[in-house]
């Protein structure tokens, strides 16, 4: 089964017709594999494409890996990779990118909620010179409300010039080689890349109902995890290069507050004013503020040392990549 084209496909630049890889993370998607590969074959034939197809079985237990090997006949540049256990979409994304030999990658979900007929549109947009092209889901879909809030919050924090961060996307493979992604950070791939100076474009794409099976990433817990990761990434981007701005500033503020409270306590003592709660709480507050303040300031120094080491490691990586 092949999904209908979302729109008239533009002309794909000749240099991109073979220089791309379709990267497909898959976890327990055995029911979708036959239709998925049939759609890819038809789209490739219709538009004269001959890219790599890399399916990463992320620890499936329903026979997805075996089914992919069976149904993949007739796709010349197919690679089927396998994780021994379920690691997550981020890890599958990295595994597939490492195995690719093309300069560009199209990240495509195995559930066929997007059409393979979007491939030419993404490739054409990449041909305009964008480093990343992301799809903006249009129409009605189940998680629209949650997705809208999440995307608006992300745009407010990170100022990324796109409206949908977690959808089908295409990008230069070199970006994944440069950016370090932690578990579940595939949702922040665009944010991290944009922070490094890569350009980001956007196109509207249709979202279809899942072809078969059930969603693997849903539930309220995912929302809480996503918001927590969002705050971690914001902190990472804002303060990882200069941790003293956060820890040192907070520490100095508490140290200053402790000094003011201490001076106030001395004045009260000298003039013999007895506060209703006595002097001991003031002394305890001074000790607390000074201890926490100097501790945060020390964290700032340690953070600065780590940031320096990280910069040196990044420089070594850049020099090694040029060799």
Protein backbone atom coordinates (compact mmCIF):
# COMPACT_ATOMS: atom_id res chain seq x y z
CA UNK A 1 0.00 0.00 0.00
CA UNK A 2 1.29 3.45 -0.94
CA UNK A 3 -0.01 6.61 0.63
CA UNK A 4 -1.23 9.31 -1.72
CA UNK A 5 1.09 12.25 -2.40
CA UNK A 6 0.60 15.15 -0.03
CA UNK A 7 1.28 17.65 -2.85
CA UNK A 8 2.78 17.87 -6.31
CA UNK A 9 6.41 16.82 -5.96
CA UNK A 10 9.04 19.35 -7.10
CA UNK A 11 12.05 18.44 -9.17
CA UNK A 12 14.81 16.83 -7.10
CA UNK A 13 18.32 18.15 -7.90
CA UNK A 14 20.38 15.57 -9.76
CA UNK A 15 23.12 15.60 -7.11
CA UNK A 16 20.61 14.55 -4.45
CA UNK A 17 18.82 11.73 -6.25
CA UNK A 18 21.28 9.17 -4.88
CA UNK A 19 23.08 11.14 -2.18
CA UNK A 20 20.58 10.58 0.62
CA UNK A 21 19.56 7.90 3.10
CA UNK A 22 16.07 7.19 4.41
CA UNK A 23 16.62 6.36 8.09
CA UNK A 24 13.79 4.37 9.70
CA UNK A 25 13.82 3.59 13.45
CA UNK A 26 11.45 0.67 14.08
CA UNK A 27 10.26 -0.96 17.29
CA UNK A 28 7.68 -3.77 17.03
CA UNK A 29 6.45 -2.63 13.60
CA UNK A 30 6.22 -6.01 11.85
CA UNK A 31 2.71 -5.23 10.56
CA UNK A 32 3.89 -2.05 8.86
CA UNK A 33 7.06 -3.34 7.19
CA UNK A 34 5.49 -4.76 3.97
CA UNK A 35 3.49 -1.57 3.25
CA UNK A 36 6.47 0.59 4.23
CA UNK A 37 8.88 -1.04 1.79
CA UNK A 38 6.24 -1.16 -0.95
CA UNK A 39 5.68 2.58 -0.56
CA UNK A 40 9.42 3.30 -0.68
CA UNK A 41 9.89 1.19 -3.82
CA UNK A 42 7.04 2.96 -5.62
CA UNK A 43 8.18 6.45 -4.58
CA UNK A 44 11.77 5.76 -5.64
CA UNK A 45 10.63 4.42 -9.02
CA UNK A 46 8.17 7.26 -9.62
CA UNK A 47 10.67 10.03 -8.94
CA UNK A 48 13.88 8.41 -10.15
CA UNK A 49 15.43 8.17 -6.69
CA UNK A 50 18.08 5.67 -5.61
CA UNK A 51 18.97 6.55 -2.07
CA UNK A 52 20.01 4.32 0.80
CA UNK A 53 17.30 2.78 2.96
CA UNK A 54 18.43 2.05 6.51
CA UNK A 55 16.00 0.39 8.89
CA UNK A 56 17.17 0.12 12.49
CA UNK A 57 15.28 -2.52 14.46
CA UNK A 58 15.38 -1.14 17.99
CA UNK A 59 15.14 -4.39 19.92
CA UNK A 60 11.80 -5.57 18.51
CA UNK A 61 10.38 -8.90 19.72
CA UNK A 62 7.67 -9.35 17.09
CA UNK A 63 9.86 -10.35 14.15
CA UNK A 64 10.38 -6.88 12.68
CA UNK A 65 14.02 -7.62 11.83
CA UNK A 66 13.28 -10.86 10.01
CA UNK A 67 10.31 -9.31 8.20
CA UNK A 68 12.46 -6.41 7.03
CA UNK A 69 15.04 -8.78 5.56
CA UNK A 70 12.29 -10.71 3.81
CA UNK A 71 10.40 -7.71 2.43
CA UNK A 72 13.47 -5.70 1.53
CA UNK A 73 14.13 -7.62 -1.67
CA UNK A 74 14.30 -5.25 -4.63
CA UNK A 75 15.67 -2.27 -2.69
CA UNK A 76 19.30 -2.18 -3.89
CA UNK A 77 20.82 -0.01 -1.15
CA UNK A 78 18.96 -1.46 1.81
CA UNK A 79 20.61 -1.96 5.20
CA UNK A 80 18.76 -3.62 8.07
CA UNK A 81 20.47 -3.08 11.42
CA UNK A 82 19.53 -4.39 14.84
CA UNK A 83 19.83 -3.41 18.49
CA UNK A 84 19.91 -6.35 20.89
CA UNK A 85 17.45 -4.54 23.16
CA UNK A 86 15.21 -1.51 22.97
CA UNK A 87 17.46 1.53 23.40
CA UNK A 88 15.21 4.31 22.11
CA UNK A 89 14.64 6.41 19.02
CA UNK A 90 17.67 8.63 19.63
CA UNK A 91 20.02 5.65 19.72
CA UNK A 92 18.41 4.15 16.59
CA UNK A 93 18.83 7.49 14.85
CA UNK A 94 22.54 7.60 15.71
CA UNK A 95 23.09 3.96 14.67
CA UNK A 96 21.47 4.57 11.30
CA UNK A 97 23.39 7.79 10.66
CA UNK A 98 26.69 6.05 11.46
CA UNK A 99 25.86 3.35 8.90
CA UNK A 100 24.88 5.82 6.17
CA UNK A 101 27.32 6.76 3.43
CA UNK A 102 25.30 9.58 1.94
CA UNK A 103 25.60 13.25 2.84
CA UNK A 104 21.91 13.74 3.61
CA UNK A 105 19.44 11.85 5.81
CA UNK A 106 15.64 11.71 5.80
CA UNK A 107 14.27 10.61 9.18
CA UNK A 108 11.08 8.64 8.55
CA UNK A 109 8.88 6.74 11.01
CA UNK A 110 7.91 3.14 10.28
CA UNK A 111 4.24 3.67 11.17
CA UNK A 112 3.52 5.40 7.82
CA UNK A 113 1.92 8.42 9.44
CA UNK A 114 3.69 10.43 6.76
CA UNK A 115 3.76 9.72 3.06
CA UNK A 116 6.89 8.51 1.28
CA UNK A 117 5.82 10.97 -1.43
CA UNK A 118 7.21 13.68 0.84
CA UNK A 119 10.77 12.52 0.04
CA UNK A 120 11.09 14.64 -3.15
CA UNK A 121 9.78 17.74 -1.36
CA UNK A 122 12.34 17.41 1.43
CA UNK A 123 15.18 16.76 -1.01
CA UNK A 124 14.20 19.73 -3.15
CA UNK A 125 14.17 21.97 -0.08
CA UNK A 126 17.61 20.69 0.94
CA UNK A 127 18.74 21.52 -2.59
CA UNK A 128 17.94 25.17 -1.86
CA UNK A 129 20.81 25.18 0.63
CA UNK A 130 19.15 24.47 3.97
CA UNK A 131 21.07 22.34 6.46
CA UNK A 132 17.87 20.99 8.06
CA UNK A 133 14.33 20.79 6.72
CA UNK A 134 11.59 19.89 9.16
CA UNK A 135 7.95 19.10 8.50
CA UNK A 136 5.11 21.00 10.13
CA UNK A 137 2.16 18.71 10.70
CA UNK A 138 -1.10 20.14 9.34
CA UNK A 139 -4.69 19.02 9.79
CA UNK A 140 -6.23 17.27 12.77
CA UNK A 141 -4.32 14.72 14.82
CA UNK A 142 -4.61 13.12 18.23
CA UNK A 143 -1.81 14.93 20.07
CA UNK A 144 -2.31 18.36 18.50
CA UNK A 145 -3.01 20.21 21.79
CA UNK A 146 -0.01 18.74 23.64
CA UNK A 147 2.23 19.18 20.60
CA UNK A 148 1.19 22.83 20.21
CA UNK A 149 1.98 23.68 23.83
CA UNK A 150 5.30 21.84 23.66
CA UNK A 151 6.33 23.57 20.41
CA UNK A 152 5.32 27.02 21.62
CA UNK A 153 7.27 26.56 24.83
CA UNK A 154 10.29 25.36 22.85
CA UNK A 155 10.10 28.31 20.47
CA UNK A 156 9.85 30.71 23.40
CA UNK A 157 12.90 29.22 25.11
CA UNK A 158 15.13 28.54 22.11
CA UNK A 159 13.98 31.01 19.42
CA UNK A 160 14.12 28.35 16.70
CA UNK A 161 12.57 29.63 13.41
CA UNK A 162 10.26 26.62 12.91
CA UNK A 163 6.89 25.71 14.43
CA UNK A 164 7.17 21.92 14.75
CA UNK A 165 10.25 20.32 16.30
CA UNK A 166 9.22 16.67 16.46
CA UNK A 167 8.13 15.58 13.00
CA UNK A 168 9.55 14.11 9.81
CA UNK A 169 12.80 15.87 8.93
CA UNK A 170 15.77 15.82 6.56
CA UNK A 171 19.26 17.08 7.32
CA UNK A 172 22.97 16.94 6.57
CA UNK A 173 24.44 13.78 8.08
CA UNK A 174 27.47 15.71 9.35
CA UNK A 175 25.23 17.43 11.92
CA UNK A 176 24.61 14.18 13.78
CA UNK A 177 28.33 13.49 13.77
CA UNK A 178 29.00 16.85 15.42
CA UNK A 179 26.18 17.00 17.96
CA UNK A 180 26.10 14.68 20.96
CA UNK A 181 22.58 13.42 21.64
CA UNK A 182 21.59 11.91 24.96
CA UNK A 183 18.77 9.42 25.42
CA UNK A 184 15.46 10.85 24.13
CA UNK A 185 17.14 14.00 22.83
CA UNK A 186 16.11 13.35 19.22
CA UNK A 187 13.25 15.76 20.01
CA UNK A 188 15.84 18.51 20.52
CA UNK A 189 17.97 17.73 17.48
CA UNK A 190 16.80 20.87 15.67
CA UNK A 191 17.32 23.03 18.76
CA UNK A 192 20.88 21.79 19.30
CA UNK A 193 21.75 22.09 15.60
CA UNK A 194 20.34 25.62 15.36
CA UNK A 195 22.40 26.60 18.42
CA UNK A 196 25.49 25.45 16.50
CA UNK A 197 24.63 27.75 13.60
CA UNK A 198 22.98 25.31 11.16
CA UNK A 199 20.14 26.74 9.08
CA UNK A 200 16.62 25.35 9.48
CA UNK A 201 13.74 25.44 6.96
CA UNK A 202 10.18 24.14 7.23
CA UNK A 203 7.48 22.71 4.96
CA UNK A 204 3.89 21.72 5.67
CA UNK A 205 3.19 17.97 5.58
CA UNK A 206 0.11 15.82 6.06
CA UNK A 207 -0.18 13.50 9.04
CA UNK A 208 -2.12 10.27 8.46
CA UNK A 209 -3.53 7.73 10.86
CA UNK A 210 -1.08 5.01 11.88
CA UNK A 211 -1.20 2.24 9.25
CA UNK A 212 -1.13 -0.62 11.76
CA UNK A 213 -0.10 -1.41 15.32
CA UNK A 214 -0.12 0.92 18.32
CA UNK A 215 1.86 4.01 19.25
CA UNK A 216 5.03 3.33 21.22
CA UNK A 217 5.59 6.79 22.62
CA UNK A 218 2.48 8.14 24.35
CA UNK A 219 0.95 8.75 27.76
CA UNK A 220 1.13 11.45 30.42
CA UNK A 221 4.51 10.23 31.61
CA UNK A 222 5.99 11.13 28.23
CA UNK A 223 4.73 14.69 28.64
CA UNK A 224 6.42 15.04 32.04
CA UNK A 225 9.66 13.54 30.72
CA UNK A 226 9.54 15.85 27.71
CA UNK A 227 9.10 18.98 29.85
CA UNK A 228 11.95 17.86 32.13
CA UNK A 229 14.25 17.29 29.15
CA UNK A 230 13.19 20.65 27.75
CA UNK A 231 14.43 22.43 30.88
CA UNK A 232 17.67 20.42 30.89
CA UNK A 233 18.41 21.33 27.27
CA UNK A 234 17.61 24.99 27.97
CA UNK A 235 20.03 24.98 30.91
CA UNK A 236 22.65 23.14 28.82
CA UNK A 237 22.50 25.64 25.96
CA UNK A 238 22.33 28.73 28.14
CA UNK A 239 24.90 27.94 30.81
CA UNK A 240 27.13 25.06 29.64
CA UNK A 241 29.62 27.44 27.99
CA UNK A 242 29.68 29.86 30.96
CA UNK A 243 28.45 28.01 34.08
CA UNK A 244 29.78 30.76 36.32
CA UNK A 245 26.96 32.99 35.05
CA UNK A 246 24.43 30.77 36.80
CA UNK A 247 26.27 29.25 39.74
CA UNK A 248 28.57 32.19 40.39
CA UNK A 249 25.79 34.78 40.12
CA UNK A 250 23.48 32.82 42.41
CA UNK A 251 26.32 32.20 44.86
CA UNK A 252 27.34 35.87 45.02
CA UNK A 253 23.70 36.90 45.56
CA UNK A 254 23.38 34.52 48.53
CA UNK A 255 26.75 35.59 49.94
CA UNK A 256 25.67 39.22 49.70
CA UNK A 257 22.35 38.44 51.36
CA UNK A 258 24.19 36.64 54.17
CA UNK A 259 26.43 39.67 54.74
CA UNK A 260 23.41 41.98 54.91
CA UNK A 261 21.66 39.74 57.41
CA UNK A 262 24.88 39.53 59.45
CA UNK A 263 25.29 43.33 59.51
CA UNK A 264 21.63 43.68 60.49
CA UNK A 265 22.14 41.18 63.33
CA UNK A 266 25.17 43.14 64.61
CA UNK A 267 23.25 46.44 64.54
CA UNK A 268 20.33 44.90 66.40
CA UNK A 269 22.72 43.48 68.99
CA UNK A 270 24.65 46.73 69.47
CA UNK A 271 21.51 48.79 70.04
CA UNK A 272 20.05 46.14 72.29
CA UNK A 273 16.97 45.52 70.23
CA UNK A 274 15.64 42.10 71.04
CA UNK A 275 13.66 40.62 68.10
CA UNK A 276 10.66 38.49 69.14
CA UNK A 277 12.34 35.36 67.77
CA UNK A 278 15.73 36.05 69.37
CA UNK A 279 19.21 36.29 67.80
CA UNK A 280 19.83 32.60 67.08
CA UNK A 281 17.59 32.37 63.96
CA UNK A 282 19.46 35.33 62.43
CA UNK A 283 22.82 33.66 63.04
CA UNK A 284 21.52 30.40 61.57
CA UNK A 285 20.26 32.24 58.49
CA UNK A 286 23.66 33.90 58.02
CA UNK A 287 25.42 30.53 58.20
CA UNK A 288 22.93 29.00 55.76
CA UNK A 289 23.20 31.80 53.20
CA UNK A 290 27.00 31.92 53.35
CA UNK A 291 27.41 28.14 53.16
CA UNK A 292 25.07 27.71 50.18
CA UNK A 293 26.46 30.83 48.49
CA UNK A 294 30.11 29.72 48.67
CA UNK A 295 29.08 26.18 47.62
CA UNK A 296 27.33 27.48 44.47
CA UNK A 297 30.28 29.75 43.72
CA UNK A 298 32.56 26.72 43.98
CA UNK A 299 30.29 24.80 41.59
CA UNK A 300 30.74 27.68 39.18
CA UNK A 301 34.54 27.29 39.24
CA UNK A 302 34.29 23.52 38.74
CA UNK A 303 31.81 24.06 35.92
CA UNK A 304 34.21 26.50 34.24
CA UNK A 305 36.99 23.91 34.37
CA UNK A 306 34.69 21.31 32.80
CA UNK A 307 33.68 23.80 30.09
CA UNK A 308 37.35 24.46 29.28
CA UNK A 309 38.05 20.72 29.00
CA UNK A 310 35.00 20.29 26.78
CA UNK A 311 36.22 23.07 24.47
CA UNK A 312 39.62 21.40 24.21
CA UNK A 313 38.01 18.04 23.38
CA UNK A 314 35.83 19.67 20.71
CA UNK A 315 38.90 21.28 19.18
CA UNK A 316 40.71 17.93 19.11
CA UNK A 317 37.69 16.36 17.37
CA UNK A 318 37.63 19.13 14.76
CA UNK A 319 41.34 18.71 14.05
CA UNK A 320 40.94 14.92 13.82
CA UNK A 321 38.04 15.27 11.35
CA UNK A 322 40.28 17.30 9.02
CA UNK A 323 42.93 14.57 8.86
